[in-house]
């Protein structure tokens, strides 16, 4: 067959030759839009693949963005301390309604005094729980520390300040011993501290001898822990001012550092708003305390310990190592973290704070007796840490959990007493329900985070 079309001469037929490259290229440009420059094409793709910190979007959207982010956190199981704070407000509202005087400054000051000893013990428990472990010995360590200090100061007539120091060193050494058996020998922490719970209780009785209780030295160190007040109103307001200034300075410094390396940072308006909330809480608390005897030494020590512990865990390399070990031992070991050292040090901190809490409990009771640290001391300390938001599964929590949790428990106890339902049975049942609710919330929260891919 001829390649020519009908009605056309051969000269008019198209040539069966390879098209000119320039013409083919031109035809291609006509048919298909020209791609962008290589650099320009890569830039949008890179921007599309680069993850955007949701906090940046939240802050750009203002209040609507914060509300959306709050809903996202709730759906994702990132509850934080929201449930316990809401529960605390509800508890206070109920008891204020039923008693009419629960929120009186005198009652709130008493609550602030009663939370110090157990709260310090609970702060040490938080460190251990962050590892995903448990310390069952802190109640016995608290009782032994108080007994040892009183025997040295009263019976042996040693300088009381030195006796206190030796008692606290003994508590820290006991914690380190537990940590050694757990981290180096490999004995489960539950077994080690359970043995400590039994053994140190026996040693407490042995140290006390035939004396069931020893009165604190009047005006001495231990006696002053729970009975010292800074009556000058400038003390409470001054501490509130220092707290606000420290918080604001920390927020501004963190903002400047993150901004310098182009990381997401809080806008100045948010920093000022947060500091304003802290200022309101601090100065209201200072006003409340000044309505009574003034700023208690015990509360000052407790809050100071919590602030220091929170700073260590959040702002230091050691704190990040604690969270890393709690999140995964093998991963932490491969990252070069000395897991053995971290574990021993955490139990040392728990022992020391347990001993310090025991001294405050002895100061509040007026005596160091053979029952100090027994009863529900251990359970209340663990319950306070968990109710406050520290996870039993490790890797999540803050020392502020101890303060919030023990405040919830003591509020329940005080409210029931003021309502005429102060029996131990009722208190134990309600505290148990609150503890179970906290653990259930924690478990559901972790499951939700796994589902959402943020575990």
Protein backbone atom coordinates (compact mmCIF):
# COMPACT_ATOMS: atom_id res chain seq x y z
CA UNK A 1 0.00 0.00 0.00
CA UNK A 2 1.05 3.50 -0.62
CA UNK A 3 1.88 5.70 2.35
CA UNK A 4 0.33 8.71 0.62
CA UNK A 5 -3.12 9.88 1.44
CA UNK A 6 -5.72 9.83 -1.35
CA UNK A 7 -5.77 12.97 -3.39
CA UNK A 8 -2.27 14.03 -2.45
CA UNK A 9 0.92 13.78 -4.39
CA UNK A 10 3.95 12.03 -2.96
CA UNK A 11 5.63 15.36 -2.52
CA UNK A 12 2.84 16.40 -0.20
CA UNK A 13 3.05 13.30 1.95
CA UNK A 14 4.75 13.64 5.34
CA UNK A 15 8.26 12.38 5.55
CA UNK A 16 8.81 9.21 7.53
CA UNK A 17 11.78 10.64 9.34
CA UNK A 18 12.62 11.16 13.00
CA UNK A 19 11.19 14.47 14.17
CA UNK A 20 13.59 17.23 15.00
CA UNK A 21 14.46 17.16 18.73
CA UNK A 22 13.76 20.84 19.06
CA UNK A 23 10.34 20.48 17.48
CA UNK A 24 9.56 17.41 19.62
CA UNK A 25 10.55 19.29 22.72
CA UNK A 26 8.36 22.17 21.69
CA UNK A 27 5.45 19.83 21.14
CA UNK A 28 6.01 18.33 24.53
CA UNK A 29 5.96 21.76 26.15
CA UNK A 30 2.72 22.51 24.38
CA UNK A 31 1.04 19.28 25.51
CA UNK A 32 2.31 19.13 29.10
CA UNK A 33 2.79 22.10 31.45
CA UNK A 34 6.44 22.73 32.14
CA UNK A 35 7.66 21.55 35.53
CA UNK A 36 8.90 24.11 37.99
CA UNK A 37 12.55 24.69 38.63
CA UNK A 38 14.20 21.82 40.59
CA UNK A 39 14.78 23.99 43.63
CA UNK A 40 11.29 25.44 43.57
CA UNK A 41 9.76 21.99 43.07
CA UNK A 42 11.60 20.61 46.06
CA UNK A 43 10.75 23.44 48.41
CA UNK A 44 6.98 22.97 48.47
CA UNK A 45 7.38 19.22 48.82
CA UNK A 46 9.76 19.68 51.73
CA UNK A 47 7.38 22.11 53.36
CA UNK A 48 4.53 19.65 52.90
CA UNK A 49 6.49 16.85 54.50
CA UNK A 50 7.85 18.93 57.37
CA UNK A 51 5.73 18.30 60.49
CA UNK A 52 4.23 21.43 61.92
CA UNK A 53 4.17 21.75 65.70
CA UNK A 54 0.45 21.93 66.62
CA UNK A 55 1.27 24.53 69.26
CA UNK A 56 2.15 27.00 66.49
CA UNK A 57 -1.24 26.56 64.85
CA UNK A 58 -2.99 26.76 68.21
CA UNK A 59 -1.43 30.08 69.12
CA UNK A 60 -2.11 31.56 65.71
CA UNK A 61 -5.82 30.77 66.08
CA UNK A 62 -6.17 32.39 69.48
CA UNK A 63 -8.86 31.24 71.91
CA UNK A 64 -10.50 29.01 69.27
CA UNK A 65 -7.19 27.27 68.73
CA UNK A 66 -6.74 26.61 72.45
CA UNK A 67 -10.25 25.21 72.68
CA UNK A 68 -9.61 22.92 69.71
CA UNK A 69 -6.31 21.79 71.19
CA UNK A 70 -8.01 21.09 74.52
CA UNK A 71 -10.57 18.86 72.80
CA UNK A 72 -7.78 17.10 70.92
CA UNK A 73 -5.91 16.39 74.15
CA UNK A 74 -9.03 15.01 75.82
CA UNK A 75 -9.78 12.72 72.89
CA UNK A 76 -6.15 11.64 72.77
CA UNK A 77 -6.05 10.74 76.46
CA UNK A 78 -3.69 13.59 77.43
CA UNK A 79 -5.65 14.45 80.57
CA UNK A 80 -2.77 15.58 82.77
CA UNK A 81 -3.92 16.94 86.14
CA UNK A 82 -7.32 18.07 84.86
CA UNK A 83 -9.38 15.28 86.51
CA UNK A 84 -7.83 15.68 89.95
CA UNK A 85 -8.07 19.49 89.88
CA UNK A 86 -11.72 19.27 88.89
CA UNK A 87 -12.23 16.71 91.64
CA UNK A 88 -10.55 18.97 94.20
CA UNK A 89 -12.85 21.87 93.30
CA UNK A 90 -15.89 19.58 93.58
CA UNK A 91 -14.72 18.26 96.99
CA UNK A 92 -14.23 21.77 98.35
CA UNK A 93 -17.60 22.91 96.99
CA UNK A 94 -19.41 19.94 98.54
CA UNK A 95 -17.87 20.35 101.99
CA UNK A 96 -18.28 24.12 101.95
CA UNK A 97 -21.97 23.60 101.16
CA UNK A 98 -22.46 20.99 103.90
CA UNK A 99 -20.38 22.63 106.64
CA UNK A 100 -20.42 26.32 105.77
CA UNK A 101 -16.89 26.84 107.09
CA UNK A 102 -14.67 24.47 105.15
CA UNK A 103 -13.03 27.31 103.20
CA UNK A 104 -12.38 29.41 106.29
CA UNK A 105 -8.73 30.52 106.51
CA UNK A 106 -8.28 28.70 109.82
CA UNK A 107 -9.40 25.37 108.34
CA UNK A 108 -7.34 25.75 105.17
CA UNK A 109 -4.30 26.61 107.29
CA UNK A 110 -4.78 23.41 109.29
CA UNK A 111 -5.03 21.41 106.06
CA UNK A 112 -1.82 23.04 104.86
CA UNK A 113 -0.07 21.87 108.04
CA UNK A 114 -1.37 18.30 107.93
CA UNK A 115 -0.29 17.64 104.35
CA UNK A 116 3.42 18.35 104.93
CA UNK A 117 4.66 15.04 106.39
CA UNK A 118 2.74 12.63 104.14
CA UNK A 119 3.29 14.98 101.20
CA UNK A 120 7.07 14.81 101.55
CA UNK A 121 6.90 11.01 101.63
CA UNK A 122 4.66 11.07 98.55
CA UNK A 123 7.17 13.26 96.71
CA UNK A 124 9.80 10.56 97.16
CA UNK A 125 7.28 7.97 95.95
CA UNK A 126 6.83 9.99 92.74
CA UNK A 127 10.50 9.47 91.85
CA UNK A 128 10.14 5.70 92.26
CA UNK A 129 6.88 5.53 90.33
CA UNK A 130 8.51 7.37 87.43
CA UNK A 131 10.73 4.29 87.06
CA UNK A 132 7.65 2.08 87.01
CA UNK A 133 8.61 0.62 90.40
CA UNK A 134 7.26 0.82 93.96
CA UNK A 135 8.75 1.51 97.39
CA UNK A 136 6.87 -0.18 100.23
CA UNK A 137 9.41 0.76 102.89
CA UNK A 138 8.94 4.53 103.14
CA UNK A 139 6.54 4.34 106.09
CA UNK A 140 9.00 2.23 108.10
CA UNK A 141 11.88 4.48 107.06
CA UNK A 142 9.90 7.51 108.28
CA UNK A 143 9.27 5.87 111.67
CA UNK A 144 12.87 4.67 112.04
CA UNK A 145 14.26 8.12 111.20
CA UNK A 146 12.09 9.78 113.84
CA UNK A 147 12.93 7.11 116.42
CA UNK A 148 16.67 7.26 115.74
CA UNK A 149 16.70 11.06 115.90
CA UNK A 150 14.76 11.16 119.18
CA UNK A 151 16.89 8.47 120.86
CA UNK A 152 20.13 10.21 119.88
CA UNK A 153 18.90 13.66 120.94
CA UNK A 154 16.97 12.74 124.12
CA UNK A 155 18.43 9.53 125.49
CA UNK A 156 22.00 9.93 124.24
CA UNK A 157 21.89 13.74 124.70
CA UNK A 158 23.52 14.34 121.32
CA UNK A 159 23.14 17.76 119.75
CA UNK A 160 19.68 17.69 118.20
CA UNK A 161 20.77 19.26 114.94
CA UNK A 162 23.42 16.59 114.54
CA UNK A 163 20.90 13.91 115.49
CA UNK A 164 18.55 15.13 112.75
CA UNK A 165 21.39 15.07 110.23
CA UNK A 166 22.38 11.53 111.21
CA UNK A 167 18.76 10.39 111.01
CA UNK A 168 18.36 11.79 107.50
CA UNK A 169 21.68 10.29 106.39
CA UNK A 170 20.50 6.93 107.72
CA UNK A 171 17.27 7.28 105.73
CA UNK A 172 19.17 8.08 102.55
CA UNK A 173 21.55 5.15 103.15
CA UNK A 174 18.59 2.80 103.59
CA UNK A 175 17.15 4.00 100.28
CA UNK A 176 20.51 3.49 98.58
CA UNK A 177 20.69 -0.02 100.01
CA UNK A 178 17.28 -0.84 98.54
CA UNK A 179 18.40 0.59 95.22
CA UNK A 180 21.58 -1.48 95.27
CA UNK A 181 19.75 -4.76 95.78
CA UNK A 182 17.28 -3.82 93.08
CA UNK A 183 19.58 -2.33 90.45
CA UNK A 184 22.80 -4.29 90.99
CA UNK A 185 21.69 -7.64 92.40
CA UNK A 186 18.45 -7.82 90.43
CA UNK A 187 16.01 -8.44 93.27
CA UNK A 188 12.55 -7.02 92.37
CA UNK A 189 11.88 -3.67 93.99
CA UNK A 190 8.61 -4.98 95.42
CA UNK A 191 10.43 -7.74 97.30
CA UNK A 192 13.34 -5.56 98.44
CA UNK A 193 11.14 -2.80 99.82
CA UNK A 194 8.67 -5.25 101.34
CA UNK A 195 11.58 -6.79 103.23
CA UNK A 196 12.58 -3.26 104.23
CA UNK A 197 9.06 -2.52 105.41
CA UNK A 198 9.26 -5.46 107.82
CA UNK A 199 12.91 -5.14 108.77
CA UNK A 200 13.01 -1.39 109.45
CA UNK A 201 9.79 -1.61 111.46
CA UNK A 202 11.50 -4.16 113.67
CA UNK A 203 14.61 -2.00 113.95
CA UNK A 204 12.41 0.95 114.93
CA UNK A 205 11.01 -1.05 117.86
CA UNK A 206 14.51 -2.21 118.78
CA UNK A 207 15.86 1.36 118.79
CA UNK A 208 12.98 2.59 120.92
CA UNK A 209 13.57 -0.21 123.44
CA UNK A 210 11.13 -0.33 126.31
CA UNK A 211 10.07 3.24 125.63
CA UNK A 212 6.98 3.34 123.43
CA UNK A 213 7.23 7.07 122.81
CA UNK A 214 9.74 9.88 123.27
CA UNK A 215 8.60 13.48 123.58
CA UNK A 216 10.22 16.07 121.35
CA UNK A 217 12.58 18.52 123.00
CA UNK A 218 10.57 21.68 123.67
CA UNK A 219 11.80 24.43 121.39
CA UNK A 220 14.18 22.01 119.68
CA UNK A 221 14.71 21.37 115.99
CA UNK A 222 12.08 18.65 115.56
CA UNK A 223 9.55 20.51 117.71
CA UNK A 224 10.03 23.66 115.63
CA UNK A 225 9.40 21.99 112.28
CA UNK A 226 5.63 22.02 112.70
CA UNK A 227 5.30 24.84 115.20
CA UNK A 228 7.23 27.65 113.56
CA UNK A 229 5.30 30.42 111.83
CA UNK A 230 6.57 33.56 110.16
CA UNK A 231 3.99 35.90 111.63
CA UNK A 232 5.12 39.01 109.77
CA UNK A 233 2.73 39.46 106.85
CA UNK A 234 5.68 40.45 104.70
CA UNK A 235 6.96 36.86 104.87
CA UNK A 236 3.96 35.28 103.14
CA UNK A 237 3.56 38.10 100.63
CA UNK A 238 7.29 38.18 100.03
CA UNK A 239 7.38 34.46 99.31
CA UNK A 240 4.42 34.89 96.95
CA UNK A 241 6.26 37.69 95.15
CA UNK A 242 9.43 35.62 94.84
CA UNK A 243 7.40 32.69 93.51
CA UNK A 244 5.73 34.82 90.85
CA UNK A 245 9.00 36.47 89.86
CA UNK A 246 10.76 33.11 89.61
CA UNK A 247 7.95 31.68 87.49
CA UNK A 248 7.86 34.69 85.18
CA UNK A 249 11.66 34.74 84.86
CA UNK A 250 11.75 31.02 84.07
CA UNK A 251 9.06 31.38 81.41
CA UNK A 252 10.76 34.36 79.78
CA UNK A 253 14.16 32.64 79.81
CA UNK A 254 12.69 29.50 78.28
CA UNK A 255 10.94 31.59 75.64
CA UNK A 256 14.11 33.44 74.73
CA UNK A 257 16.16 30.25 74.44
CA UNK A 258 13.61 28.50 72.24
CA UNK A 259 13.18 31.57 70.09
CA UNK A 260 16.94 31.87 69.62
CA UNK A 261 17.11 28.39 68.05
CA UNK A 262 13.83 28.85 66.13
CA UNK A 263 11.84 26.34 68.18
CA UNK A 264 8.15 26.77 69.02
CA UNK A 265 7.80 29.19 71.91
CA UNK A 266 4.96 30.76 73.84
CA UNK A 267 3.90 34.26 72.84
CA UNK A 268 4.48 36.98 75.41
CA UNK A 269 0.75 37.33 76.05
CA UNK A 270 0.50 33.66 77.04
CA UNK A 271 3.51 33.93 79.34
CA UNK A 272 1.97 36.93 81.08
CA UNK A 273 -1.39 35.18 81.38
CA UNK A 274 0.16 32.10 82.98
CA UNK A 275 2.16 34.23 85.39
CA UNK A 276 -1.00 36.14 86.24
CA UNK A 277 -2.76 32.93 87.24
CA UNK A 278 0.22 31.92 89.38
CA UNK A 279 0.24 35.38 90.97
CA UNK A 280 -3.46 35.13 91.83
CA UNK A 281 -3.04 31.73 93.48
CA UNK A 282 0.12 32.77 95.34
CA UNK A 283 -1.23 36.01 96.77
CA UNK A 284 -4.60 34.50 97.70
CA UNK A 285 -2.74 31.77 99.60
CA UNK A 286 -0.55 34.38 101.28
CA UNK A 287 -3.62 36.38 102.30
CA UNK A 288 -5.28 33.26 103.71
CA UNK A 289 -2.22 32.32 105.77
CA UNK A 290 -1.88 35.85 107.13
CA UNK A 291 -5.43 35.66 108.47
CA UNK A 292 -4.13 33.14 111.01
CA UNK A 293 -0.64 32.66 112.46
CA UNK A 294 1.25 33.51 109.28
CA UNK A 295 3.43 31.48 106.93
CA UNK A 296 4.14 27.98 108.35
CA UNK A 297 7.69 26.69 108.12
CA UNK A 298 6.44 23.21 107.25
CA UNK A 299 4.46 24.37 104.23
CA UNK A 300 7.42 26.44 103.07
CA UNK A 301 9.72 23.41 103.23
CA UNK A 302 7.21 21.16 101.47
CA UNK A 303 6.57 23.55 98.59
CA UNK A 304 10.30 24.24 98.33
CA UNK A 305 11.05 20.52 98.04
CA UNK A 306 8.35 20.10 95.38
CA UNK A 307 9.66 23.05 93.36
CA UNK A 308 13.25 21.78 93.60
CA UNK A 309 12.22 18.24 92.63
CA UNK A 310 10.18 19.54 89.69
CA UNK A 311 13.14 21.61 88.50
CA UNK A 312 15.49 18.63 88.73
CA UNK A 313 13.16 16.32 86.83
CA UNK A 314 12.23 18.83 84.12
CA UNK A 315 15.32 20.96 83.62
CA UNK A 316 18.33 18.73 84.27
CA UNK A 317 20.01 15.86 82.48
CA UNK A 318 19.44 13.64 85.49
CA UNK A 319 15.70 14.28 85.35
CA UNK A 320 15.56 13.36 81.67
CA UNK A 321 17.45 10.17 82.48
CA UNK A 322 14.87 9.24 85.12
CA UNK A 323 12.06 9.63 82.60
CA UNK A 324 14.05 7.73 80.00
CA UNK A 325 14.60 4.75 82.30
CA UNK A 326 10.94 4.78 83.26
CA UNK A 327 9.94 4.87 79.60
CA UNK A 328 12.11 1.91 78.63
CA UNK A 329 15.10 0.40 80.40
CA UNK A 330 16.71 -1.19 77.36
CA UNK A 331 16.30 1.90 75.21
CA UNK A 332 17.80 4.03 78.00
CA UNK A 333 20.75 1.65 78.34
CA UNK A 334 21.43 1.75 74.60
CA UNK A 335 21.31 5.54 74.75
CA UNK A 336 24.27 5.43 77.14
CA UNK A 337 22.39 6.10 80.38
CA UNK A 338 23.80 4.51 83.52
CA UNK A 339 20.61 2.70 84.49
CA UNK A 340 22.08 1.24 87.68
CA UNK A 341 23.12 4.66 88.96
CA UNK A 342 19.75 6.21 88.12
CA UNK A 343 17.85 3.47 89.95
CA UNK A 344 20.04 3.62 93.07
CA UNK A 345 19.84 7.42 93.20
CA UNK A 346 16.04 7.40 92.86
CA UNK A 347 15.62 5.02 95.80
CA UNK A 348 18.08 7.17 97.76
CA UNK A 349 15.89 10.22 97.14
CA UNK A 350 12.82 8.23 98.20
CA UNK A 351 14.50 7.14 101.43
CA UNK A 352 15.70 10.65 102.27
CA UNK A 353 12.30 12.27 101.69
CA UNK A 354 10.64 9.45 103.62
CA UNK A 355 12.89 10.24 106.60
CA UNK A 356 12.24 13.97 106.29
CA UNK A 357 8.50 13.34 106.20
CA UNK A 358 8.82 11.20 109.31
CA UNK A 359 10.42 14.08 111.20
CA UNK A 360 7.56 16.40 110.28
CA UNK A 361 5.00 13.79 111.34
CA UNK A 362 6.83 13.44 114.67
CA UNK A 363 6.83 17.22 115.06
CA UNK A 364 3.11 17.37 114.42
CA UNK A 365 2.38 14.55 116.87
CA UNK A 366 4.74 15.98 119.51
CA UNK A 367 6.37 12.59 120.01
CA UNK A 368 8.29 9.89 118.19
CA UNK A 369 6.51 6.65 118.99
CA UNK A 370 6.65 3.04 117.93
CA UNK A 371 3.59 3.41 115.70
CA UNK A 372 4.91 6.34 113.67
CA UNK A 373 5.04 5.42 109.98
CA UNK A 374 2.68 2.50 110.47
CA UNK A 375 -1.02 2.30 109.86
CA UNK A 376 -2.05 3.95 106.62
CA UNK A 377 1.00 6.21 106.22
CA UNK A 378 2.46 4.18 103.35
CA UNK A 379 -0.85 3.71 101.56
CA UNK A 380 -1.73 7.41 101.82
CA UNK A 381 1.65 8.40 100.38
CA UNK A 382 1.29 6.07 97.41
CA UNK A 383 -2.34 7.06 96.93
CA UNK A 384 -1.42 10.75 96.97
CA UNK A 385 1.18 10.32 94.21
CA UNK A 386 -1.20 8.29 92.04
CA UNK A 387 -4.29 10.43 92.67
CA UNK A 388 -2.24 13.51 91.81
CA UNK A 389 -1.53 12.15 88.32
CA UNK A 390 1.68 10.09 88.51
CA UNK A 391 1.34 6.92 86.46
CA UNK A 392 1.81 3.52 88.07
CA UNK A 393 3.28 2.33 84.77
CA UNK A 394 6.28 4.66 84.84
CA UNK A 395 7.54 7.47 82.64
CA UNK A 396 4.83 10.02 83.43
CA UNK A 397 4.33 12.25 86.43
CA UNK A 398 5.54 15.29 88.31
CA UNK A 399 6.32 16.12 91.96
CA UNK A 400 3.34 18.47 91.89
CA UNK A 401 1.26 15.28 91.81
CA UNK A 402 2.26 14.63 95.42
CA UNK A 403 1.08 18.06 96.55
CA UNK A 404 -2.23 17.90 94.66
CA UNK A 405 -2.91 14.30 95.65
CA UNK A 406 -2.25 14.71 99.37
CA UNK A 407 -4.34 17.90 99.29
CA UNK A 408 -7.26 15.89 97.89
CA UNK A 409 -6.90 13.17 100.53
CA UNK A 410 -6.54 15.59 103.44
CA UNK A 411 -9.48 17.64 102.18
CA UNK A 412 -11.63 14.51 102.22
CA UNK A 413 -10.51 13.61 105.75
CA UNK A 414 -11.02 17.12 107.11
CA UNK A 415 -14.36 17.54 105.36
CA UNK A 416 -15.67 14.25 106.73
CA UNK A 417 -14.53 15.21 110.22
CA UNK A 418 -16.29 18.55 110.00
CA UNK A 419 -19.42 16.83 108.65
CA UNK A 420 -19.51 14.40 111.58
CA UNK A 421 -18.50 11.35 109.49
CA UNK A 422 -14.95 11.04 110.69
CA UNK A 423 -14.83 7.27 111.19
CA UNK A 424 -11.79 5.51 109.76
CA UNK A 425 -14.05 3.14 107.85
CA UNK A 426 -15.75 5.92 105.88
CA UNK A 427 -12.47 7.73 105.22
CA UNK A 428 -10.77 4.58 103.99
CA UNK A 429 -13.67 3.65 101.70
CA UNK A 430 -13.85 7.10 100.09
CA UNK A 431 -10.07 7.32 99.68
CA UNK A 432 -10.07 3.86 98.12
CA UNK A 433 -12.75 4.88 95.62
CA UNK A 434 -10.81 8.02 94.67
CA UNK A 435 -7.61 5.99 94.26
CA UNK A 436 -9.34 3.43 92.06
CA UNK A 437 -10.84 6.19 89.95
CA UNK A 438 -7.38 7.74 89.50
CA UNK A 439 -5.86 4.44 88.38
CA UNK A 440 -8.76 3.74 86.01
CA UNK A 441 -8.38 7.19 84.46
CA UNK A 442 -4.64 6.60 84.07
CA UNK A 443 -5.18 3.20 82.43
CA UNK A 444 -7.86 4.49 80.06
CA UNK A 445 -5.67 7.49 79.23
CA UNK A 446 -2.72 5.30 78.31
CA UNK A 447 -4.92 3.04 76.19
CA UNK A 448 -6.36 6.04 74.39
CA UNK A 449 -2.89 7.42 73.73
CA UNK A 450 -1.82 4.08 72.25
CA UNK A 451 -4.84 4.12 69.97
CA UNK A 452 -4.02 7.67 68.94
CA UNK A 453 -0.36 6.75 68.36
CA UNK A 454 1.04 8.95 71.12
CA UNK A 455 1.96 6.33 73.74
